[in-house]
Amino acid sequence: MTECTGRTDTEALVTVLLAEGDRHRSLGDLARAERAFRQAATVAGRRHPHSGERDRLLARAQSGLAAVYRMQGHYRRAQSLLRRALAEAEGVPRPGGLREEHAYLLNELAVTCKYTGEFAEAERLYERVRTVLVRTAGPGHPELATVWHNLAGLAHARGDFAAAEPLARRSVRLRERALGPDHPAVAADRAALAAILDALGRREEAERLLRQALEVFVRVHGPEHHETAVTCHNLACLAYRRGALAEAGQLFRRALTVKEEALGPDHPELAVTLHNLALVQEDRGRRAEALGLVRRALAAVEGSVSADHPLLAACRTRLAALTPTP
């Protein structure tokens, strides 16, 4: 009886810590989120090895902690944690292989590999996530929407926009059916689809979806949230392509300000907004400011992504074009 009570108390504590970590992460307080997830992983790891509930709680804590590392820009640290966690999970014999909770570890590792430019590895991991979820939860499980969303994002990062579109639409349909049309996760799916449609030249539909998503994010999260910043960035890209340079600059600056507040001034994720704002300023004849922005972008992304990452190449190309010749 004492042992059972101890297990229940431990599960309750870890559950509270996980909820605390999720809340702090959604609010952008990554330091407190890191502490909560780290403590949850420590407490969950003390339980009797490899019980089902212990594994579920530990996987949630580890994937949450790795997501915080990624959001802090510590991509290699996140990868190291996730690879260790997966090696431990794969070392335990289980009928049928990994369980649903381990799909979160695989998915977070895939997301991190996408950020570093390891696209082939990310695709392999996403396919493993899909296989685990279909086997354990069925082909209509709402979490599969995350797989389609992420595979669409990967195809978008590779420049394969035609392949990305049906994956993104599949994600929207599945998540909307599960959560309803006004849920922020559905808004995130629509925003991802919009970026793909923009790349395909279907900018009217893209802008409509982005403005719908922005309305949801501002209502649910507030104007200073990371999702709001990302959506403003994508709206700025649309404005830039239709030649509305003043509007594009304003939206890029809004996105940059929110990202700096949420992530810090040197986070790798700032690089794409800095690079694109530099394009706007260059087109407006403000080459000195554009050069400073590109230098910041390059400093933010160097050392965090693979040597052949497209954004790194774009920053170097822009720097060479803007640097005055002696």
C-alpha atoms as a PDB file:
ATOM      1  CA  MET A   1       0.000   0.000   0.000  1.00  0.00           C
ATOM      2  CA  THR A   2       2.829   2.396   0.808  1.00  0.00           C
ATOM      3  CA  GLU A   3       4.482   1.678  -2.531  1.00  0.00           C
ATOM      4  CA  CYS A   4       1.253   2.358  -4.403  1.00  0.00           C
ATOM      5  CA  THR A   5       0.742   5.683  -2.621  1.00  0.00           C
ATOM      6  CA  GLY A   6       4.324   6.684  -3.391  1.00  0.00           C
ATOM      7  CA  ARG A   7       3.816   5.976  -7.073  1.00  0.00           C
ATOM      8  CA  THR A   8       0.623   8.006  -7.153  1.00  0.00           C
ATOM      9  CA  ASP A   9       2.278  10.933  -5.391  1.00  0.00           C
ATOM     10  CA  THR A  10       5.201  10.811  -7.813  1.00  0.00           C
ATOM     11  CA  GLU A  11       2.902  10.743 -10.843  1.00  0.00           C
ATOM     12  CA  ALA A  12       0.930  13.683  -9.476  1.00  0.00           C
ATOM     13  CA  LEU A  13       4.097  15.726  -8.879  1.00  0.00           C
ATOM     14  CA  VAL A  14       5.480  15.035 -12.362  1.00  0.00           C
ATOM     15  CA  THR A  15       2.126  15.863 -13.947  1.00  0.00           C
ATOM     16  CA  VAL A  16       2.067  19.219 -12.137  1.00  0.00           C
ATOM     17  CA  LEU A  17       5.655  19.951 -13.197  1.00  0.00           C
ATOM     18  CA  LEU A  18       4.868  19.096 -16.823  1.00  0.00           C
ATOM     19  CA  ALA A  19       1.850  21.411 -16.799  1.00  0.00           C
ATOM     20  CA  GLU A  20       4.005  24.138 -15.276  1.00  0.00           C
ATOM     21  CA  GLY A  21       6.648  23.652 -17.965  1.00  0.00           C
ATOM     22  CA  ASP A  22       4.054  23.788 -20.732  1.00  0.00           C
ATOM     23  CA  ARG A  23       2.533  26.960 -19.287  1.00  0.00           C
ATOM     24  CA  HIS A  24       5.856  28.783 -18.919  1.00  0.00           C
ATOM     25  CA  ARG A  25       6.902  27.730 -22.418  1.00  0.00           C
ATOM     26  CA  SER A  26       3.641  29.019 -23.928  1.00  0.00           C
ATOM     27  CA  LEU A  27       4.203  32.336 -22.124  1.00  0.00           C
ATOM     28  CA  GLY A  28       7.774  32.561 -23.417  1.00  0.00           C
ATOM     29  CA  ASP A  29       9.413  32.161 -19.983  1.00  0.00           C
ATOM     30  CA  LEU A  30      11.953  29.605 -21.151  1.00  0.00           C
ATOM     31  CA  ALA A  31      14.146  29.725 -18.036  1.00  0.00           C
ATOM     32  CA  ARG A  32      11.276  28.687 -15.770  1.00  0.00           C
ATOM     33  CA  ALA A  33      10.039  26.160 -18.344  1.00  0.00           C
ATOM     34  CA  GLU A  34      13.502  24.594 -18.425  1.00  0.00           C
ATOM     35  CA  ARG A  35      13.591  24.257 -14.633  1.00  0.00           C
ATOM     36  CA  ALA A  36      10.136  22.655 -14.532  1.00  0.00           C
ATOM     37  CA  PHE A  37      10.855  20.125 -17.288  1.00  0.00           C
ATOM     38  CA  ARG A  38      14.282  19.309 -15.851  1.00  0.00           C
ATOM     39  CA  GLN A  39      12.764  18.627 -12.421  1.00  0.00           C
ATOM     40  CA  ALA A  40       9.983  16.553 -14.000  1.00  0.00           C
ATOM     41  CA  ALA A  41      12.563  14.414 -15.833  1.00  0.00           C
ATOM     42  CA  THR A  42      14.570  13.928 -12.627  1.00  0.00           C
ATOM     43  CA  VAL A  43      11.533  12.886 -10.569  1.00  0.00           C
ATOM     44  CA  ALA A  44      10.124  10.626 -13.298  1.00  0.00           C
ATOM     45  CA  GLY A  45      13.514   8.957 -13.771  1.00  0.00           C
ATOM     46  CA  ARG A  46      13.609   7.914 -10.122  1.00  0.00           C
ATOM     47  CA  ARG A  47      10.630   5.600 -10.530  1.00  0.00           C
ATOM     48  CA  HIS A  48      11.028   1.873 -11.017  1.00  0.00           C
ATOM     49  CA  PRO A  49      12.730   1.466 -14.402  1.00  0.00           C
ATOM     50  CA  HIS A  50      10.620   1.031 -17.481  1.00  0.00           C
ATOM     51  CA  SER A  51       7.125   0.841 -16.019  1.00  0.00           C
ATOM     52  CA  GLY A  52       4.644   2.123 -18.592  1.00  0.00           C
ATOM     53  CA  GLU A  53       3.681   5.231 -16.647  1.00  0.00           C
ATOM     54  CA  ARG A  54       7.305   6.040 -15.788  1.00  0.00           C
ATOM     55  CA  ASP A  55       8.265   5.853 -19.471  1.00  0.00           C
ATOM     56  CA  ARG A  56       5.324   8.049 -20.514  1.00  0.00           C
ATOM     57  CA  LEU A  57       6.088  10.770 -17.976  1.00  0.00           C
ATOM     58  CA  LEU A  58       9.823  10.679 -18.639  1.00  0.00           C
ATOM     59  CA  ALA A  59       9.353  10.923 -22.421  1.00  0.00           C
ATOM     60  CA  ARG A  60       7.066  13.937 -21.994  1.00  0.00           C
ATOM     61  CA  ALA A  61       9.555  15.645 -19.694  1.00  0.00           C
ATOM     62  CA  GLN A  62      12.519  14.933 -21.976  1.00  0.00           C
ATOM     63  CA  SER A  63      10.736  16.116 -25.124  1.00  0.00           C
ATOM     64  CA  GLY A  64       9.557  19.259 -23.298  1.00  0.00           C
ATOM     65  CA  LEU A  65      13.079  20.024 -22.084  1.00  0.00           C
ATOM     66  CA  ALA A  66      14.522  19.447 -25.550  1.00  0.00           C
ATOM     67  CA  ALA A  67      11.893  21.782 -27.055  1.00  0.00           C
ATOM     68  CA  VAL A  68      12.998  24.494 -24.622  1.00  0.00           C
ATOM     69  CA  TYR A  69      16.648  23.958 -25.627  1.00  0.00           C
ATOM     70  CA  ARG A  70      15.614  24.289 -29.290  1.00  0.00           C
ATOM     71  CA  MET A  71      13.637  27.458 -28.603  1.00  0.00           C
ATOM     72  CA  GLN A  72      16.706  28.850 -26.812  1.00  0.00           C
ATOM     73  CA  GLY A  73      18.747  28.131 -29.944  1.00  0.00           C
ATOM     74  CA  HIS A  74      20.723  25.275 -28.328  1.00  0.00           C
ATOM     75  CA  TYR A  75      20.092  22.850 -31.177  1.00  0.00           C
ATOM     76  CA  ARG A  76      22.984  20.451 -30.545  1.00  0.00           C
ATOM     77  CA  ARG A  77      22.140  20.259 -26.845  1.00  0.00           C
ATOM     78  CA  ALA A  78      18.557  19.342 -27.719  1.00  0.00           C
ATOM     79  CA  GLN A  79      19.717  16.691 -30.170  1.00  0.00           C
ATOM     80  CA  SER A  80      22.078  15.145 -27.631  1.00  0.00           C
ATOM     81  CA  LEU A  81      19.330  14.854 -25.009  1.00  0.00           C
ATOM     82  CA  LEU A  82      16.847  13.360 -27.465  1.00  0.00           C
ATOM     83  CA  ARG A  83      19.292  10.834 -28.905  1.00  0.00           C
ATOM     84  CA  ARG A  84      20.150   9.610 -25.399  1.00  0.00           C
ATOM     85  CA  ALA A  85      16.467   9.355 -24.485  1.00  0.00           C
ATOM     86  CA  LEU A  86      15.645   7.417 -27.661  1.00  0.00           C
ATOM     87  CA  ALA A  87      18.611   5.080 -27.197  1.00  0.00           C
ATOM     88  CA  GLU A  88      17.313   4.233 -23.718  1.00  0.00           C
ATOM     89  CA  ALA A  89      13.756   3.734 -24.995  1.00  0.00           C
ATOM     90  CA  GLU A  90      14.904   1.547 -27.902  1.00  0.00           C
ATOM     91  CA  GLY A  91      17.018  -0.568 -25.546  1.00  0.00           C
ATOM     92  CA  VAL A  92      13.927  -1.857 -23.714  1.00  0.00           C
ATOM     93  CA  PRO A  93      12.188  -4.840 -25.389  1.00  0.00           C
ATOM     94  CA  ARG A  94       8.526  -4.014 -26.109  1.00  0.00           C
ATOM     95  CA  PRO A  95       5.960  -5.894 -28.216  1.00  0.00           C
ATOM     96  CA  GLY A  96       5.615  -3.914 -31.425  1.00  0.00           C
ATOM     97  CA  GLY A  97       8.454  -1.496 -30.675  1.00  0.00           C
ATOM     98  CA  LEU A  98       8.221   2.102 -29.450  1.00  0.00           C
ATOM     99  CA  ARG A  99       4.978   3.397 -27.950  1.00  0.00           C
ATOM    100  CA  GLU A 100       2.987   6.538 -28.631  1.00  0.00           C
ATOM    101  CA  GLU A 101       4.815   8.629 -26.020  1.00  0.00           C
ATOM    102  CA  HIS A 102       8.134   7.942 -27.735  1.00  0.00           C
ATOM    103  CA  ALA A 103       6.756   9.515 -30.913  1.00  0.00           C
ATOM    104  CA  TYR A 104       7.105  12.867 -29.115  1.00  0.00           C
ATOM    105  CA  LEU A 105      10.850  12.268 -28.715  1.00  0.00           C
ATOM    106  CA  LEU A 106      11.189  11.298 -32.378  1.00  0.00           C
ATOM    107  CA  ASN A 107       9.157  14.293 -33.506  1.00  0.00           C
ATOM    108  CA  GLU A 108      11.125  16.793 -31.430  1.00  0.00           C
ATOM    109  CA  LEU A 109      14.402  15.365 -32.742  1.00  0.00           C
ATOM    110  CA  ALA A 110      13.076  15.662 -36.309  1.00  0.00           C
ATOM    111  CA  VAL A 111      12.055  19.296 -35.736  1.00  0.00           C
ATOM    112  CA  THR A 112      15.513  20.086 -34.367  1.00  0.00           C
ATOM    113  CA  CYS A 113      17.193  18.399 -37.347  1.00  0.00           C
ATOM    114  CA  LYS A 114      15.085  20.535 -39.672  1.00  0.00           C
ATOM    115  CA  TYR A 115      16.314  23.680 -37.875  1.00  0.00           C
ATOM    116  CA  THR A 116      19.940  22.599 -38.311  1.00  0.00           C
ATOM    117  CA  GLY A 117      19.409  21.794 -42.002  1.00  0.00           C
ATOM    118  CA  GLU A 118      19.690  17.998 -41.633  1.00  0.00           C
ATOM    119  CA  PHE A 119      16.691  17.483 -43.882  1.00  0.00           C
ATOM    120  CA  ALA A 120      17.185  13.818 -44.824  1.00  0.00           C
ATOM    121  CA  GLU A 121      17.501  12.833 -41.170  1.00  0.00           C
ATOM    122  CA  ALA A 122      14.418  14.897 -40.290  1.00  0.00           C
ATOM    123  CA  GLU A 123      12.361  13.157 -42.982  1.00  0.00           C
ATOM    124  CA  ARG A 124      13.447   9.709 -41.779  1.00  0.00           C
ATOM    125  CA  LEU A 125      12.446  10.599 -38.219  1.00  0.00           C
ATOM    126  CA  TYR A 126       9.056  12.028 -39.245  1.00  0.00           C
ATOM    127  CA  GLU A 127       8.305   8.793 -41.078  1.00  0.00           C
ATOM    128  CA  ARG A 128       9.138   6.883 -37.892  1.00  0.00           C
ATOM    129  CA  VAL A 129       6.752   9.136 -35.957  1.00  0.00           C
ATOM    130  CA  ARG A 130       4.012   8.424 -38.469  1.00  0.00           C
ATOM    131  CA  THR A 131       4.605   4.671 -38.288  1.00  0.00           C
ATOM    132  CA  VAL A 132       4.505   4.641 -34.473  1.00  0.00           C
ATOM    133  CA  LEU A 133       1.321   6.734 -34.284  1.00  0.00           C
ATOM    134  CA  VAL A 134      -0.544   4.728 -36.940  1.00  0.00           C
ATOM    135  CA  ARG A 135       0.404   1.472 -35.216  1.00  0.00           C
ATOM    136  CA  THR A 136      -0.446   2.611 -31.685  1.00  0.00           C
ATOM    137  CA  ALA A 137      -3.322   5.062 -32.226  1.00  0.00           C
ATOM    138  CA  GLY A 138      -4.734   4.473 -35.703  1.00  0.00           C
ATOM    139  CA  PRO A 139      -4.618   6.411 -38.997  1.00  0.00           C
ATOM    140  CA  GLY A 140      -7.140   9.047 -37.854  1.00  0.00           C
ATOM    141  CA  HIS A 141      -5.368  10.080 -34.646  1.00  0.00           C
ATOM    142  CA  PRO A 142      -5.293  13.899 -34.287  1.00  0.00           C
ATOM    143  CA  GLU A 143      -1.561  13.864 -33.476  1.00  0.00           C
ATOM    144  CA  LEU A 144      -0.939  12.738 -37.059  1.00  0.00           C
ATOM    145  CA  ALA A 145      -1.847  16.295 -38.051  1.00  0.00           C
ATOM    146  CA  THR A 146       1.449  17.329 -36.459  1.00  0.00           C
ATOM    147  CA  VAL A 147       3.291  14.835 -38.675  1.00  0.00           C
ATOM    148  CA  TRP A 148       1.668  16.174 -41.856  1.00  0.00           C
ATOM    149  CA  HIS A 149       2.325  19.757 -40.694  1.00  0.00           C
ATOM    150  CA  ASN A 150       5.989  19.007 -40.073  1.00  0.00           C
ATOM    151  CA  LEU A 151       6.485  17.045 -43.291  1.00  0.00           C
ATOM    152  CA  ALA A 152       4.932  19.980 -45.168  1.00  0.00           C
ATOM    153  CA  GLY A 153       7.321  22.343 -43.415  1.00  0.00           C
ATOM    154  CA  LEU A 154      10.243  20.136 -44.346  1.00  0.00           C
ATOM    155  CA  ALA A 155       9.200  20.061 -48.014  1.00  0.00           C
ATOM    156  CA  HIS A 156       8.815  23.850 -47.870  1.00  0.00           C
ATOM    157  CA  ALA A 157      12.327  24.219 -46.425  1.00  0.00           C
ATOM    158  CA  ARG A 158      13.653  22.093 -49.283  1.00  0.00           C
ATOM    159  CA  GLY A 159      11.855  24.238 -51.848  1.00  0.00           C
ATOM    160  CA  ASP A 160       9.484  21.447 -52.923  1.00  0.00           C
ATOM    161  CA  PHE A 161       6.317  23.535 -52.627  1.00  0.00           C
ATOM    162  CA  ALA A 162       4.122  21.299 -54.806  1.00  0.00           C
ATOM    163  CA  ALA A 163       4.797  18.355 -52.479  1.00  0.00           C
ATOM    164  CA  ALA A 164       4.281  20.521 -49.400  1.00  0.00           C
ATOM    165  CA  GLU A 165       0.773  21.765 -50.247  1.00  0.00           C
ATOM    166  CA  PRO A 166      -1.225  18.485 -49.986  1.00  0.00           C
ATOM    167  CA  LEU A 167       0.553  17.596 -46.744  1.00  0.00           C
ATOM    168  CA  ALA A 168      -0.310  20.985 -45.234  1.00  0.00           C
ATOM    169  CA  ARG A 169      -3.951  20.756 -46.345  1.00  0.00           C
ATOM    170  CA  ARG A 170      -4.187  17.278 -44.830  1.00  0.00           C
ATOM    171  CA  SER A 171      -2.937  18.681 -41.533  1.00  0.00           C
ATOM    172  CA  VAL A 172      -5.530  21.485 -41.563  1.00  0.00           C
ATOM    173  CA  ARG A 173      -8.402  19.072 -42.289  1.00  0.00           C
ATOM    174  CA  LEU A 174      -7.446  16.549 -39.612  1.00  0.00           C
ATOM    175  CA  ARG A 175      -6.768  19.105 -36.881  1.00  0.00           C
ATOM    176  CA  GLU A 176      -9.865  21.177 -37.673  1.00  0.00           C
ATOM    177  CA  ARG A 177     -12.012  18.052 -37.463  1.00  0.00           C
ATOM    178  CA  ALA A 178     -10.533  17.249 -34.051  1.00  0.00           C
ATOM    179  CA  LEU A 179     -10.320  20.728 -32.476  1.00  0.00           C
ATOM    180  CA  GLY A 180     -12.669  23.038 -34.370  1.00  0.00           C
ATOM    181  CA  PRO A 181     -11.895  25.952 -36.706  1.00  0.00           C
ATOM    182  CA  ASP A 182     -10.881  28.530 -34.057  1.00  0.00           C
ATOM    183  CA  HIS A 183      -8.244  26.561 -32.163  1.00  0.00           C
ATOM    184  CA  PRO A 184      -4.701  28.064 -32.174  1.00  0.00           C
ATOM    185  CA  ALA A 185      -3.227  24.764 -33.398  1.00  0.00           C
ATOM    186  CA  VAL A 186      -5.525  24.974 -36.443  1.00  0.00           C
ATOM    187  CA  ALA A 187      -4.419  28.580 -36.939  1.00  0.00           C
ATOM    188  CA  ALA A 188      -0.792  27.387 -36.919  1.00  0.00           C
ATOM    189  CA  ASP A 189      -1.625  24.814 -39.592  1.00  0.00           C
ATOM    190  CA  ARG A 190      -3.314  27.490 -41.719  1.00  0.00           C
ATOM    191  CA  ALA A 191      -0.320  29.797 -41.340  1.00  0.00           C
ATOM    192  CA  ALA A 192       2.002  27.014 -42.488  1.00  0.00           C
ATOM    193  CA  LEU A 193      -0.228  26.328 -45.504  1.00  0.00           C
ATOM    194  CA  ALA A 194      -0.234  30.052 -46.281  1.00  0.00           C
ATOM    195  CA  ALA A 195       3.576  30.148 -46.487  1.00  0.00           C
ATOM    196  CA  ILE A 196       3.460  27.304 -49.006  1.00  0.00           C
ATOM    197  CA  LEU A 197       0.723  28.962 -51.077  1.00  0.00           C
ATOM    198  CA  ASP A 198       2.754  32.165 -51.097  1.00  0.00           C
ATOM    199  CA  ALA A 199       5.707  30.246 -52.542  1.00  0.00           C
ATOM    200  CA  LEU A 200       3.368  28.809 -55.195  1.00  0.00           C
ATOM    201  CA  GLY A 201       2.243  32.310 -56.170  1.00  0.00           C
ATOM    202  CA  ARG A 202      -1.296  31.988 -54.726  1.00  0.00           C
ATOM    203  CA  ARG A 203      -0.928  35.050 -52.563  1.00  0.00           C
ATOM    204  CA  GLU A 204      -4.566  36.070 -52.171  1.00  0.00           C
ATOM    205  CA  GLU A 205      -5.474  32.799 -50.424  1.00  0.00           C
ATOM    206  CA  ALA A 206      -2.190  32.925 -48.500  1.00  0.00           C
ATOM    207  CA  GLU A 207      -2.925  36.399 -47.123  1.00  0.00           C
ATOM    208  CA  ARG A 208      -6.477  35.455 -46.157  1.00  0.00           C
ATOM    209  CA  LEU A 209      -5.221  32.434 -44.190  1.00  0.00           C
ATOM    210  CA  LEU A 210      -2.478  34.453 -42.496  1.00  0.00           C
ATOM    211  CA  ARG A 211      -4.864  37.190 -41.383  1.00  0.00           C
ATOM    212  CA  GLN A 212      -7.243  34.540 -40.008  1.00  0.00           C
ATOM    213  CA  ALA A 213      -4.341  32.967 -38.113  1.00  0.00           C
ATOM    214  CA  LEU A 214      -3.103  36.319 -36.795  1.00  0.00           C
ATOM    215  CA  GLU A 215      -6.559  37.136 -35.432  1.00  0.00           C
ATOM    216  CA  VAL A 216      -6.609  33.841 -33.514  1.00  0.00           C
ATOM    217  CA  PHE A 217      -3.064  34.236 -32.169  1.00  0.00           C
ATOM    218  CA  VAL A 218      -3.627  37.797 -30.955  1.00  0.00           C
ATOM    219  CA  ARG A 219      -6.920  36.811 -29.305  1.00  0.00           C
ATOM    220  CA  VAL A 220      -5.542  33.681 -27.622  1.00  0.00           C
ATOM    221  CA  HIS A 221      -1.885  34.545 -26.961  1.00  0.00           C
ATOM    222  CA  GLY A 222      -1.702  38.331 -27.195  1.00  0.00           C
ATOM    223  CA  PRO A 223       0.209  40.691 -29.528  1.00  0.00           C
ATOM    224  CA  GLU A 224       3.661  39.916 -28.079  1.00  0.00           C
ATOM    225  CA  HIS A 225       3.608  36.146 -28.573  1.00  0.00           C
ATOM    226  CA  HIS A 226       6.052  34.182 -30.737  1.00  0.00           C
ATOM    227  CA  GLU A 227       3.272  32.846 -33.003  1.00  0.00           C
ATOM    228  CA  THR A 228       2.132  36.431 -33.579  1.00  0.00           C
ATOM    229  CA  ALA A 229       5.676  37.375 -34.574  1.00  0.00           C
ATOM    230  CA  VAL A 230       6.001  34.487 -37.041  1.00  0.00           C
ATOM    231  CA  THR A 231       2.688  35.364 -38.670  1.00  0.00           C
ATOM    232  CA  CYS A 232       3.663  39.051 -38.945  1.00  0.00           C
ATOM    233  CA  HIS A 233       6.904  37.934 -40.589  1.00  0.00           C
ATOM    234  CA  ASN A 234       4.987  35.915 -43.183  1.00  0.00           C
ATOM    235  CA  LEU A 235       2.578  38.780 -43.869  1.00  0.00           C
ATOM    236  CA  ALA A 236       5.631  41.011 -44.348  1.00  0.00           C
ATOM    237  CA  CYS A 237       6.944  38.610 -46.979  1.00  0.00           C
ATOM    238  CA  LEU A 238       3.667  38.924 -48.883  1.00  0.00           C
ATOM    239  CA  ALA A 239       3.765  42.714 -48.650  1.00  0.00           C
ATOM    240  CA  TYR A 240       7.358  42.733 -49.915  1.00  0.00           C
ATOM    241  CA  ARG A 241       6.496  40.613 -52.927  1.00  0.00           C
ATOM    242  CA  ARG A 242       3.672  42.940 -53.970  1.00  0.00           C
ATOM    243  CA  GLY A 243       6.036  45.903 -53.659  1.00  0.00           C
ATOM    244  CA  ALA A 244       4.596  47.429 -50.473  1.00  0.00           C
ATOM    245  CA  LEU A 245       8.019  48.137 -48.968  1.00  0.00           C
ATOM    246  CA  ALA A 246       6.885  50.433 -46.161  1.00  0.00           C
ATOM    247  CA  GLU A 247       4.272  47.912 -44.969  1.00  0.00           C
ATOM    248  CA  ALA A 248       6.755  45.053 -45.259  1.00  0.00           C
ATOM    249  CA  GLY A 249       9.349  46.939 -43.243  1.00  0.00           C
ATOM    250  CA  GLN A 250       6.842  47.741 -40.521  1.00  0.00           C
ATOM    251  CA  LEU A 251       5.708  44.116 -40.245  1.00  0.00           C
ATOM    252  CA  PHE A 252       9.274  42.753 -40.259  1.00  0.00           C
ATOM    253  CA  ARG A 253      10.213  45.186 -37.482  1.00  0.00           C
ATOM    254  CA  ARG A 254       7.180  44.140 -35.450  1.00  0.00           C
ATOM    255  CA  ALA A 255       8.148  40.485 -35.880  1.00  0.00           C
ATOM    256  CA  LEU A 256      11.774  41.218 -34.983  1.00  0.00           C
ATOM    257  CA  THR A 257      10.863  43.157 -31.834  1.00  0.00           C
ATOM    258  CA  VAL A 258       8.642  40.347 -30.527  1.00  0.00           C
ATOM    259  CA  LYS A 259      11.211  37.676 -31.369  1.00  0.00           C
ATOM    260  CA  GLU A 260      13.983  39.617 -29.634  1.00  0.00           C
ATOM    261  CA  GLU A 261      11.826  39.949 -26.540  1.00  0.00           C
ATOM    262  CA  ALA A 262      10.809  36.285 -26.546  1.00  0.00           C
ATOM    263  CA  LEU A 263      14.074  34.671 -27.665  1.00  0.00           C
ATOM    264  CA  GLY A 264      16.867  37.164 -27.007  1.00  0.00           C
ATOM    265  CA  PRO A 265      18.882  39.359 -29.391  1.00  0.00           C
ATOM    266  CA  ASP A 266      21.212  36.633 -30.721  1.00  0.00           C
ATOM    267  CA  HIS A 267      18.845  33.700 -31.249  1.00  0.00           C
ATOM    268  CA  PRO A 268      19.315  31.847 -34.583  1.00  0.00           C
ATOM    269  CA  GLU A 269      15.619  32.211 -35.385  1.00  0.00           C
ATOM    270  CA  LEU A 270      16.060  35.984 -35.696  1.00  0.00           C
ATOM    271  CA  ALA A 271      18.306  35.480 -38.720  1.00  0.00           C
ATOM    272  CA  VAL A 272      15.545  35.010 -41.297  1.00  0.00           C
ATOM    273  CA  THR A 273      13.704  38.154 -40.167  1.00  0.00           C
ATOM    274  CA  LEU A 274      16.944  40.166 -40.080  1.00  0.00           C
ATOM    275  CA  HIS A 275      17.855  38.927 -43.568  1.00  0.00           C
ATOM    276  CA  ASN A 276      14.443  39.783 -45.012  1.00  0.00           C
ATOM    277  CA  LEU A 277      14.324  43.189 -43.355  1.00  0.00           C
ATOM    278  CA  ALA A 278      17.745  43.815 -44.919  1.00  0.00           C
ATOM    279  CA  LEU A 279      16.251  43.088 -48.352  1.00  0.00           C
ATOM    280  CA  VAL A 280      13.548  45.687 -47.726  1.00  0.00           C
ATOM    281  CA  GLN A 281      16.046  48.295 -46.578  1.00  0.00           C
ATOM    282  CA  GLU A 282      18.324  47.586 -49.537  1.00  0.00           C
ATOM    283  CA  ASP A 283      15.433  48.083 -51.942  1.00  0.00           C
ATOM    284  CA  ARG A 284      14.627  51.373 -50.200  1.00  0.00           C
ATOM    285  CA  GLY A 285      18.199  52.545 -50.770  1.00  0.00           C
ATOM    286  CA  ARG A 286      19.281  52.149 -47.150  1.00  0.00           C
ATOM    287  CA  ARG A 287      22.310  49.984 -47.851  1.00  0.00           C
ATOM    288  CA  ALA A 288      24.233  50.804 -44.672  1.00  0.00           C
ATOM    289  CA  GLU A 289      21.343  49.687 -42.493  1.00  0.00           C
ATOM    290  CA  ALA A 290      20.836  46.611 -44.687  1.00  0.00           C
ATOM    291  CA  LEU A 291      24.496  45.676 -44.261  1.00  0.00           C
ATOM    292  CA  GLY A 292      24.223  45.915 -40.467  1.00  0.00           C
ATOM    293  CA  LEU A 293      21.119  43.711 -40.480  1.00  0.00           C
ATOM    294  CA  VAL A 294      22.778  41.052 -42.643  1.00  0.00           C
ATOM    295  CA  ARG A 295      25.828  40.988 -40.392  1.00  0.00           C
ATOM    296  CA  ARG A 296      23.547  40.407 -37.399  1.00  0.00           C
ATOM    297  CA  ALA A 297      21.722  37.644 -39.282  1.00  0.00           C
ATOM    298  CA  LEU A 298      24.961  35.895 -40.202  1.00  0.00           C
ATOM    299  CA  ALA A 299      26.277  36.114 -36.633  1.00  0.00           C
ATOM    300  CA  ALA A 300      23.018  34.635 -35.318  1.00  0.00           C
ATOM    301  CA  VAL A 301      22.925  31.651 -37.650  1.00  0.00           C
ATOM    302  CA  GLU A 302      26.608  30.703 -38.026  1.00  0.00           C
ATOM    303  CA  GLY A 303      27.584  27.753 -35.864  1.00  0.00           C
ATOM    304  CA  SER A 304      23.965  26.726 -35.280  1.00  0.00           C
ATOM    305  CA  VAL A 305      23.101  25.174 -38.652  1.00  0.00           C
ATOM    306  CA  SER A 306      24.736  22.881 -41.165  1.00  0.00           C
ATOM    307  CA  ALA A 307      27.326  24.348 -43.545  1.00  0.00           C
ATOM    308  CA  ASP A 308      24.970  23.977 -46.528  1.00  0.00           C
ATOM    309  CA  HIS A 309      21.864  25.446 -44.858  1.00  0.00           C
ATOM    310  CA  PRO A 310      19.948  27.667 -47.352  1.00  0.00           C
ATOM    311  CA  LEU A 311      19.602  30.592 -44.921  1.00  0.00           C
ATOM    312  CA  LEU A 312      23.311  30.600 -44.161  1.00  0.00           C
ATOM    313  CA  ALA A 313      24.058  30.675 -47.892  1.00  0.00           C
ATOM    314  CA  ALA A 314      21.536  33.489 -48.434  1.00  0.00           C
ATOM    315  CA  CYS A 315      23.092  35.594 -45.657  1.00  0.00           C
ATOM    316  CA  ARG A 316      26.587  35.143 -47.087  1.00  0.00           C
ATOM    317  CA  THR A 317      25.392  36.044 -50.584  1.00  0.00           C
ATOM    318  CA  ARG A 318      23.667  39.191 -49.309  1.00  0.00           C
ATOM    319  CA  LEU A 319      26.711  40.181 -47.259  1.00  0.00           C
ATOM    320  CA  ALA A 320      28.959  39.914 -50.304  1.00  0.00           C
ATOM    321  CA  ALA A 321      26.539  42.004 -52.377  1.00  0.00           C
ATOM    322  CA  LEU A 322      26.276  44.742 -49.754  1.00  0.00           C
ATOM    323  CA  THR A 323      29.901  44.966 -48.607  1.00  0.00           C
ATOM    324  CA  PRO A 324      31.588  47.986 -50.218  1.00  0.00           C
ATOM    325  CA  THR A 325      34.471  47.108 -52.482  1.00  0.00           C
ATOM    326  CA  PRO A 326      37.842  48.696 -51.611  1.00  0.00           C
END
